[in-house]
Every structure is written in C-alpha cells, then in structure tokens.
Amino acid sequence: MTIPMVSIVERIVFEKISEVFNREVQISYDTDLRNEGLDSVKTIELIVNLEIEFDIEIDDQDLLVENFSTIHKIAILLSGKYGVKQ
C-alpha cells in the first residue's frame, strides 16, 4: 500500500505536538515521544487536536500507545487508515 504525502502530514503532526507541549520541539520524526514527555493527558490532547485539524474521528481500536509513539507512526496511521492527504 502506498501512503500518500506522509511528509506533509508529518509536518502538521509535528506542529500539533509543539502546541501540546506548549513549546517548539527539537525532535526527529522517529523520536519516541514518550521519552520527550508525551503522557496520557498530552496524548489525548494531541488526538483531539488531530481529529479537529483533519476532520476525522480516530477509532477506539487505533488508540494504542504504539500508534502514537512517533510522529512518523502517527502520520502513517492518519494517511493509511484515515486517508489524510494534505
């Protein structure tokens, strides 16, 4: 399966993470976000922000730690399953 335009989606996810952390983050797209301070409360905030940004509703079955552990994994989930193309 080809995942379209992931780099643009990654960039938007990166911006949303900066908003959730309330600061500019200096991380790569493969950095484990849990090591950078992404806890359960911030994860929920991030998910809500992404749902609003992309006008989607993330299924409960996709709310797994591994799906939100890196920017790249989040972008793959959004692009692959939810058809996010920006």
PDB file of N, CA and C in Angstrom:
ATOM      1  N   MET A   1       0.845  -1.168   0.000  1.00  0.00           N
ATOM      2  CA  MET A   1       0.000   0.000   0.000  1.00  0.00           C
ATOM      3  C   MET A   1       0.899   1.241   0.000  1.00  0.00           C
ATOM      4  N   THR A   2       0.592   2.183  -0.845  1.00  0.00           N
ATOM      5  CA  THR A   2       1.324   3.444  -0.898  1.00  0.00           C
ATOM      6  C   THR A   2       0.656   4.437   0.035  1.00  0.00           C
ATOM      7  N   ILE A   3       1.454   5.102   0.837  1.00  0.00           N
ATOM      8  CA  ILE A   3       0.927   6.090   1.769  1.00  0.00           C
ATOM      9  C   ILE A   3       1.229   7.470   1.201  1.00  0.00           C
ATOM     10  N   PRO A   4       0.203   8.227   0.844  1.00  0.00           N
ATOM     11  CA  PRO A   4       0.411   9.484   0.139  1.00  0.00           C
ATOM     12  C   PRO A   4       0.875  10.625   1.027  1.00  0.00           C
ATOM     13  N   MET A   5       1.815  11.383   0.559  1.00  0.00           N
ATOM     14  CA  MET A   5       2.184  12.676   1.121  1.00  0.00           C
ATOM     15  C   MET A   5       2.453  12.654   2.626  1.00  0.00           C
ATOM     16  N   VAL A   6       3.107  11.606   3.105  1.00  0.00           N
ATOM     17  CA  VAL A   6       3.336  11.487   4.540  1.00  0.00           C
ATOM     18  C   VAL A   6       4.136  12.670   5.080  1.00  0.00           C
ATOM     19  N   SER A   7       5.084  13.171   4.316  1.00  0.00           N
ATOM     20  CA  SER A   7       5.924  14.243   4.849  1.00  0.00           C
ATOM     21  C   SER A   7       5.122  15.484   5.221  1.00  0.00           C
ATOM     22  N   ILE A   8       4.083  15.804   4.460  1.00  0.00           N
ATOM     23  CA  ILE A   8       3.238  16.953   4.804  1.00  0.00           C
ATOM     24  C   ILE A   8       2.438  16.648   6.067  1.00  0.00           C
ATOM     25  N   VAL A   9       1.915  15.442   6.159  1.00  0.00           N
ATOM     26  CA  VAL A   9       1.164  15.041   7.349  1.00  0.00           C
ATOM     27  C   VAL A   9       2.096  15.050   8.560  1.00  0.00           C
ATOM     28  N   GLU A  10       3.319  14.551   8.382  1.00  0.00           N
ATOM     29  CA  GLU A  10       4.287  14.561   9.488  1.00  0.00           C
ATOM     30  C   GLU A  10       4.545  15.980   9.971  1.00  0.00           C
ATOM     31  N   ARG A  11       4.657  16.902   9.058  1.00  0.00           N
ATOM     32  CA  ARG A  11       4.917  18.290   9.426  1.00  0.00           C
ATOM     33  C   ARG A  11       3.762  18.870  10.250  1.00  0.00           C
ATOM     34  N   ILE A  12       2.538  18.550   9.874  1.00  0.00           N
ATOM     35  CA  ILE A  12       1.374  19.032  10.622  1.00  0.00           C
ATOM     36  C   ILE A  12       1.332  18.370  12.002  1.00  0.00           C
ATOM     37  N   VAL A  13       1.607  17.071  12.067  1.00  0.00           N
ATOM     38  CA  VAL A  13       1.645  16.372  13.362  1.00  0.00           C
ATOM     39  C   VAL A  13       2.718  17.002  14.243  1.00  0.00           C
ATOM     40  N   PHE A  14       3.875  17.304  13.671  1.00  0.00           N
ATOM     41  CA  PHE A  14       4.964  17.959  14.403  1.00  0.00           C
ATOM     42  C   PHE A  14       4.474  19.280  15.009  1.00  0.00           C
ATOM     43  N   GLU A  15       3.745  20.070  14.232  1.00  0.00           N
ATOM     44  CA  GLU A  15       3.212  21.345  14.729  1.00  0.00           C
ATOM     45  C   GLU A  15       2.220  21.123  15.870  1.00  0.00           C
ATOM     46  N   LYS A  16       1.378  20.118  15.741  1.00  0.00           N
ATOM     47  CA  LYS A  16       0.398  19.824  16.793  1.00  0.00           C
ATOM     48  C   LYS A  16       1.094  19.357  18.073  1.00  0.00           C
ATOM     49  N   ILE A  17       2.180  18.626  17.935  1.00  0.00           N
ATOM     50  CA  ILE A  17       2.930  18.198  19.115  1.00  0.00           C
ATOM     51  C   ILE A  17       3.552  19.407  19.807  1.00  0.00           C
ATOM     52  N   SER A  18       4.063  20.336  19.040  1.00  0.00           N
ATOM     53  CA  SER A  18       4.605  21.575  19.624  1.00  0.00           C
ATOM     54  C   SER A  18       3.524  22.322  20.392  1.00  0.00           C
ATOM     55  N   GLU A  19       2.306  22.352  19.850  1.00  0.00           N
ATOM     56  CA  GLU A  19       1.196  23.007  20.536  1.00  0.00           C
ATOM     57  C   GLU A  19       0.876  22.300  21.852  1.00  0.00           C
ATOM     58  N   VAL A  20       0.832  20.970  21.818  1.00  0.00           N
ATOM     59  CA  VAL A  20       0.519  20.191  23.019  1.00  0.00           C
ATOM     60  C   VAL A  20       1.598  20.378  24.087  1.00  0.00           C
ATOM     61  N   PHE A  21       2.864  20.401  23.659  1.00  0.00           N
ATOM     62  CA  PHE A  21       3.971  20.591  24.594  1.00  0.00           C
ATOM     63  C   PHE A  21       4.116  22.055  25.003  1.00  0.00           C
ATOM     64  N   ASN A  22       3.421  22.933  24.305  1.00  0.00           N
ATOM     65  CA  ASN A  22       3.455  24.365  24.611  1.00  0.00           C
ATOM     66  C   ASN A  22       4.853  24.953  24.421  1.00  0.00           C
ATOM     67  N   ARG A  23       5.580  24.379  23.459  1.00  0.00           N
ATOM     68  CA  ARG A  23       6.929  24.848  23.142  1.00  0.00           C
ATOM     69  C   ARG A  23       7.357  24.244  21.805  1.00  0.00           C
ATOM     70  N   GLU A  24       8.346  24.859  21.195  1.00  0.00           N
ATOM     71  CA  GLU A  24       8.919  24.305  19.956  1.00  0.00           C
ATOM     72  C   GLU A  24       9.715  23.059  20.330  1.00  0.00           C
ATOM     73  N   VAL A  25       9.402  21.953  19.693  1.00  0.00           N
ATOM     74  CA  VAL A  25      10.120  20.716  19.992  1.00  0.00           C
ATOM     75  C   VAL A  25      11.258  20.526  19.000  1.00  0.00           C
ATOM     76  N   GLN A  26      12.331  19.959  19.480  1.00  0.00           N
ATOM     77  CA  GLN A  26      13.514  19.680  18.660  1.00  0.00           C
ATOM     78  C   GLN A  26      13.706  18.170  18.614  1.00  0.00           C
ATOM     79  N   ILE A  27      12.885  17.522  17.779  1.00  0.00           N
ATOM     80  CA  ILE A  27      12.927  16.061  17.683  1.00  0.00           C
ATOM     81  C   ILE A  27      12.834  15.645  16.223  1.00  0.00           C
ATOM     82  N   SER A  28      13.235  14.400  15.962  1.00  0.00           N
ATOM     83  CA  SER A  28      13.077  13.848  14.615  1.00  0.00           C
ATOM     84  C   SER A  28      11.714  13.177  14.527  1.00  0.00           C
ATOM     85  N   TYR A  29      11.340  12.800  13.322  1.00  0.00           N
ATOM     86  CA  TYR A  29      10.044  12.160  13.115  1.00  0.00           C
ATOM     87  C   TYR A  29      10.005  10.740  13.662  1.00  0.00           C
ATOM     88  N   ASP A  30      11.160  10.203  14.040  1.00  0.00           N
ATOM     89  CA  ASP A  30      11.213   8.860  14.611  1.00  0.00           C
ATOM     90  C   ASP A  30      11.564   8.848  16.103  1.00  0.00           C
ATOM     91  N   THR A  31      11.623  10.014  16.715  1.00  0.00           N
ATOM     92  CA  THR A  31      11.894  10.110  18.152  1.00  0.00           C
ATOM     93  C   THR A  31      10.708   9.561  18.930  1.00  0.00           C
ATOM     94  N   ASP A  32      10.987   8.756  19.959  1.00  0.00           N
ATOM     95  CA  ASP A  32       9.923   8.233  20.811  1.00  0.00           C
ATOM     96  C   ASP A  32       9.368   9.391  21.645  1.00  0.00           C
ATOM     97  N   LEU A  33       8.129   9.748  21.374  1.00  0.00           N
ATOM     98  CA  LEU A  33       7.503  10.911  22.016  1.00  0.00           C
ATOM     99  C   LEU A  33       7.305  10.710  23.518  1.00  0.00           C
ATOM    100  N   ARG A  34       7.222   9.471  23.938  1.00  0.00           N
ATOM    101  CA  ARG A  34       7.075   9.204  25.377  1.00  0.00           C
ATOM    102  C   ARG A  34       8.323   9.634  26.135  1.00  0.00           C
ATOM    103  N   ASN A  35       9.474   9.514  25.497  1.00  0.00           N
ATOM    104  CA  ASN A  35      10.723   9.956  26.129  1.00  0.00           C
ATOM    105  C   ASN A  35      10.846  11.472  26.160  1.00  0.00           C
ATOM    106  N   GLU A  36      10.016  12.157  25.379  1.00  0.00           N
ATOM    107  CA  GLU A  36      10.037  13.616  25.319  1.00  0.00           C
ATOM    108  C   GLU A  36       8.960  14.248  26.197  1.00  0.00           C
ATOM    109  N   GLY A  37       8.170  13.408  26.882  1.00  0.00           N
ATOM    110  CA  GLY A  37       7.166  13.934  27.799  1.00  0.00           C
ATOM    111  C   GLY A  37       5.727  13.755  27.364  1.00  0.00           C
ATOM    112  N   LEU A  38       5.484  12.963  26.322  1.00  0.00           N
ATOM    113  CA  LEU A  38       4.107  12.720  25.887  1.00  0.00           C
ATOM    114  C   LEU A  38       3.474  11.706  26.834  1.00  0.00           C
ATOM    115  N   ASP A  39       2.680  12.209  27.762  1.00  0.00           N
ATOM    116  CA  ASP A  39       1.995  11.343  28.717  1.00  0.00           C
ATOM    117  C   ASP A  39       0.553  11.132  28.258  1.00  0.00           C
ATOM    118  N   SER A  40      -0.254  10.474  29.088  1.00  0.00           N
ATOM    119  CA  SER A  40      -1.618  10.140  28.681  1.00  0.00           C
ATOM    120  C   SER A  40      -2.476  11.385  28.446  1.00  0.00           C
ATOM    121  N   VAL A  41      -2.329  12.401  29.273  1.00  0.00           N
ATOM    122  CA  VAL A  41      -3.116  13.631  29.112  1.00  0.00           C
ATOM    123  C   VAL A  41      -2.728  14.352  27.823  1.00  0.00           C
ATOM    124  N   LYS A  42      -1.442  14.482  27.580  1.00  0.00           N
ATOM    125  CA  LYS A  42      -0.981  15.136  26.352  1.00  0.00           C
ATOM    126  C   LYS A  42      -1.354  14.320  25.117  1.00  0.00           C
ATOM    127  N   THR A  43      -1.367  13.005  25.236  1.00  0.00           N
ATOM    128  CA  THR A  43      -1.759  12.158  24.110  1.00  0.00           C
ATOM    129  C   THR A  43      -3.215  12.409  23.749  1.00  0.00           C
ATOM    130  N   ILE A  44      -4.076  12.498  24.743  1.00  0.00           N
ATOM    131  CA  ILE A  44      -5.491  12.781  24.488  1.00  0.00           C
ATOM    132  C   ILE A  44      -5.645  14.145  23.834  1.00  0.00           C
ATOM    133  N   GLU A  45      -4.930  15.134  24.341  1.00  0.00           N
ATOM    134  CA  GLU A  45      -4.977  16.472  23.751  1.00  0.00           C
ATOM    135  C   GLU A  45      -4.506  16.435  22.290  1.00  0.00           C
ATOM    136  N   LEU A  46      -3.440  15.698  22.034  1.00  0.00           N
ATOM    137  CA  LEU A  46      -2.921  15.570  20.678  1.00  0.00           C
ATOM    138  C   LEU A  46      -3.955  14.908  19.770  1.00  0.00           C
ATOM    139  N   ILE A  47      -4.574  13.844  20.226  1.00  0.00           N
ATOM    140  CA  ILE A  47      -5.570  13.135  19.426  1.00  0.00           C
ATOM    141  C   ILE A  47      -6.741  14.055  19.091  1.00  0.00           C
ATOM    142  N   VAL A  48      -7.230  14.788  20.071  1.00  0.00           N
ATOM    143  CA  VAL A  48      -8.335  15.720  19.831  1.00  0.00           C
ATOM    144  C   VAL A  48      -7.924  16.784  18.819  1.00  0.00           C
ATOM    145  N   ASN A  49      -6.717  17.331  18.971  1.00  0.00           N
ATOM    146  CA  ASN A  49      -6.228  18.345  18.022  1.00  0.00           C
ATOM    147  C   ASN A  49      -6.121  17.782  16.608  1.00  0.00           C
ATOM    148  N   LEU A  50      -5.654  16.552  16.481  1.00  0.00           N
ATOM    149  CA  LEU A  50      -5.538  15.930  15.164  1.00  0.00           C
ATOM    150  C   LEU A  50      -6.912  15.666  14.550  1.00  0.00           C
ATOM    151  N   GLU A  51      -7.853  15.225  15.372  1.00  0.00           N
ATOM    152  CA  GLU A  51      -9.204  14.983  14.872  1.00  0.00           C
ATOM    153  C   GLU A  51      -9.837  16.272  14.358  1.00  0.00           C
ATOM    154  N   ILE A  52      -9.628  17.351  15.067  1.00  0.00           N
ATOM    155  CA  ILE A  52     -10.155  18.647  14.626  1.00  0.00           C
ATOM    156  C   ILE A  52      -9.445  19.115  13.362  1.00  0.00           C
ATOM    157  N   GLU A  53      -8.125  19.047  13.355  1.00  0.00           N
ATOM    158  CA  GLU A  53      -7.330  19.509  12.208  1.00  0.00           C
ATOM    159  C   GLU A  53      -7.713  18.790  10.917  1.00  0.00           C
ATOM    160  N   PHE A  54      -7.882  17.466  11.002  1.00  0.00           N
ATOM    161  CA  PHE A  54      -8.118  16.675   9.803  1.00  0.00           C
ATOM    162  C   PHE A  54      -9.590  16.288   9.607  1.00  0.00           C
ATOM    163  N   ASP A  55     -10.455  16.742  10.517  1.00  0.00           N
ATOM    164  CA  ASP A  55     -11.887  16.452  10.440  1.00  0.00           C
ATOM    165  C   ASP A  55     -12.138  14.949  10.334  1.00  0.00           C
ATOM    166  N   ILE A  56     -11.564  14.225  11.301  1.00  0.00           N
ATOM    167  CA  ILE A  56     -11.714  12.770  11.370  1.00  0.00           C
ATOM    168  C   ILE A  56     -12.072  12.389  12.799  1.00  0.00           C
ATOM    169  N   GLU A  57     -12.454  11.136  12.980  1.00  0.00           N
ATOM    170  CA  GLU A  57     -12.627  10.580  14.321  1.00  0.00           C
ATOM    171  C   GLU A  57     -11.807   9.298  14.372  1.00  0.00           C
ATOM    172  N   ILE A  58     -10.811   9.292  15.220  1.00  0.00           N
ATOM    173  CA  ILE A  58      -9.934   8.131  15.345  1.00  0.00           C
ATOM    174  C   ILE A  58     -10.667   7.054  16.137  1.00  0.00           C
ATOM    175  N   ASP A  59     -10.733   5.865  15.557  1.00  0.00           N
ATOM    176  CA  ASP A  59     -11.426   4.739  16.189  1.00  0.00           C
ATOM    177  C   ASP A  59     -10.745   4.351  17.494  1.00  0.00           C
ATOM    178  N   ASP A  60     -11.564   3.914  18.446  1.00  0.00           N
ATOM    179  CA  ASP A  60     -11.031   3.461  19.729  1.00  0.00           C
ATOM    180  C   ASP A  60      -9.976   2.373  19.550  1.00  0.00           C
ATOM    181  N   GLN A  61     -10.164   1.488  18.588  1.00  0.00           N
ATOM    182  CA  GLN A  61      -9.226   0.384  18.377  1.00  0.00           C
ATOM    183  C   GLN A  61      -7.850   0.871  17.924  1.00  0.00           C
ATOM    184  N   ASP A  62      -7.770   2.113  17.437  1.00  0.00           N
ATOM    185  CA  ASP A  62      -6.491   2.670  16.997  1.00  0.00           C
ATOM    186  C   ASP A  62      -5.787   3.472  18.087  1.00  0.00           C
ATOM    187  N   LEU A  63      -6.427   3.604  19.226  1.00  0.00           N
ATOM    188  CA  LEU A  63      -5.852   4.380  20.329  1.00  0.00           C
ATOM    189  C   LEU A  63      -4.869   3.525  21.130  1.00  0.00           C
ATOM    190  N   LEU A  64      -3.826   3.083  20.448  1.00  0.00           N
ATOM    191  CA  LEU A  64      -2.792   2.255  21.048  1.00  0.00           C
ATOM    192  C   LEU A  64      -1.519   3.069  21.210  1.00  0.00           C
ATOM    193  N   VAL A  65      -0.791   2.804  22.268  1.00  0.00           N
ATOM    194  CA  VAL A  65       0.450   3.526  22.540  1.00  0.00           C
ATOM    195  C   VAL A  65       1.386   3.488  21.344  1.00  0.00           C
ATOM    196  N   GLU A  66       1.526   2.325  20.721  1.00  0.00           N
ATOM    197  CA  GLU A  66       2.465   2.216  19.604  1.00  0.00           C
ATOM    198  C   GLU A  66       2.055   3.062  18.397  1.00  0.00           C
ATOM    199  N   ASN A  67       0.769   3.335  18.217  1.00  0.00           N
ATOM    200  CA  ASN A  67       0.330   4.178  17.103  1.00  0.00           C
ATOM    201  C   ASN A  67       0.693   5.650  17.296  1.00  0.00           C
ATOM    202  N   PHE A  68       0.940   6.054  18.533  1.00  0.00           N
ATOM    203  CA  PHE A  68       1.223   7.453  18.836  1.00  0.00           C
ATOM    204  C   PHE A  68       2.599   7.644  19.464  1.00  0.00           C
ATOM    205  N   SER A  69       3.493   6.697  19.223  1.00  0.00           N
ATOM    206  CA  SER A  69       4.817   6.775  19.846  1.00  0.00           C
ATOM    207  C   SER A  69       5.800   7.654  19.083  1.00  0.00           C
ATOM    208  N   THR A  70       5.583   7.851  17.776  1.00  0.00           N
ATOM    209  CA  THR A  70       6.456   8.727  16.990  1.00  0.00           C
ATOM    210  C   THR A  70       5.604   9.532  16.002  1.00  0.00           C
ATOM    211  N   ILE A  71       6.151  10.616  15.537  1.00  0.00           N
ATOM    212  CA  ILE A  71       5.459  11.423  14.534  1.00  0.00           C
ATOM    213  C   ILE A  71       5.220  10.592  13.282  1.00  0.00           C
ATOM    214  N   HIS A  72       6.218   9.828  12.885  1.00  0.00           N
ATOM    215  CA  HIS A  72       6.105   9.013  11.678  1.00  0.00           C
ATOM    216  C   HIS A  72       4.967   7.993  11.805  1.00  0.00           C
ATOM    217  N   LYS A  73       4.861   7.328  12.937  1.00  0.00           N
ATOM    218  CA  LYS A  73       3.799   6.332  13.124  1.00  0.00           C
ATOM    219  C   LYS A  73       2.419   6.984  13.128  1.00  0.00           C
ATOM    220  N   ILE A  74       2.314   8.161  13.707  1.00  0.00           N
ATOM    221  CA  ILE A  74       1.038   8.886  13.698  1.00  0.00           C
ATOM    222  C   ILE A  74       0.660   9.233  12.263  1.00  0.00           C
ATOM    223  N   ALA A  75       1.618   9.728  11.496  1.00  0.00           N
ATOM    224  CA  ALA A  75       1.354  10.106  10.105  1.00  0.00           C
ATOM    225  C   ALA A  75       0.949   8.901   9.261  1.00  0.00           C
ATOM    226  N   ILE A  76       1.583   7.767   9.492  1.00  0.00           N
ATOM    227  CA  ILE A  76       1.219   6.550   8.760  1.00  0.00           C
ATOM    228  C   ILE A  76      -0.215   6.140   9.085  1.00  0.00           C
ATOM    229  N   LEU A  77      -0.576   6.188  10.365  1.00  0.00           N
ATOM    230  CA  LEU A  77      -1.941   5.860  10.770  1.00  0.00           C
ATOM    231  C   LEU A  77      -2.932   6.803  10.094  1.00  0.00           C
ATOM    232  N   LEU A  78      -2.673   8.102  10.163  1.00  0.00           N
ATOM    233  CA  LEU A  78      -3.602   9.081   9.606  1.00  0.00           C
ATOM    234  C   LEU A  78      -3.719   8.962   8.095  1.00  0.00           C
ATOM    235  N   SER A  79      -2.608   8.754   7.425  1.00  0.00           N
ATOM    236  CA  SER A  79      -2.609   8.662   5.963  1.00  0.00           C
ATOM    237  C   SER A  79      -3.171   7.329   5.483  1.00  0.00           C
ATOM    238  N   GLY A  80      -2.715   6.257   6.117  1.00  0.00           N
ATOM    239  CA  GLY A  80      -3.086   4.930   5.661  1.00  0.00           C
ATOM    240  C   GLY A  80      -4.519   4.553   5.972  1.00  0.00           C
ATOM    241  N   LYS A  81      -4.952   4.771   7.194  1.00  0.00           N
ATOM    242  CA  LYS A  81      -6.285   4.319   7.589  1.00  0.00           C
ATOM    243  C   LYS A  81      -7.359   5.382   7.395  1.00  0.00           C
ATOM    244  N   TYR A  82      -6.989   6.644   7.607  1.00  0.00           N
ATOM    245  CA  TYR A  82      -7.996   7.709   7.590  1.00  0.00           C
ATOM    246  C   TYR A  82      -7.923   8.563   6.327  1.00  0.00           C
ATOM    247  N   GLY A  83      -7.017   8.239   5.426  1.00  0.00           N
ATOM    248  CA  GLY A  83      -6.946   8.918   4.144  1.00  0.00           C
ATOM    249  C   GLY A  83      -6.578  10.380   4.207  1.00  0.00           C
ATOM    250  N   VAL A  84      -5.877  10.777   5.264  1.00  0.00           N
ATOM    251  CA  VAL A  84      -5.477  12.171   5.410  1.00  0.00           C
ATOM    252  C   VAL A  84      -4.482  12.510   4.314  1.00  0.00           C
ATOM    253  N   LYS A  85      -4.801  13.525   3.529  1.00  0.00           N
ATOM    254  CA  LYS A  85      -3.939  13.972   2.429  1.00  0.00           C
ATOM    255  C   LYS A  85      -3.896  15.490   2.459  1.00  0.00           C
ATOM    256  N   GLN A  86      -2.850  16.036   2.965  1.00  0.00           N
ATOM    257  CA  GLN A  86      -2.715  17.497   2.986  1.00  0.00           C
ATOM    258  C   GLN A  86      -1.361  17.888   2.509  1.00  0.00           C
TER     259      GLN A  86
END
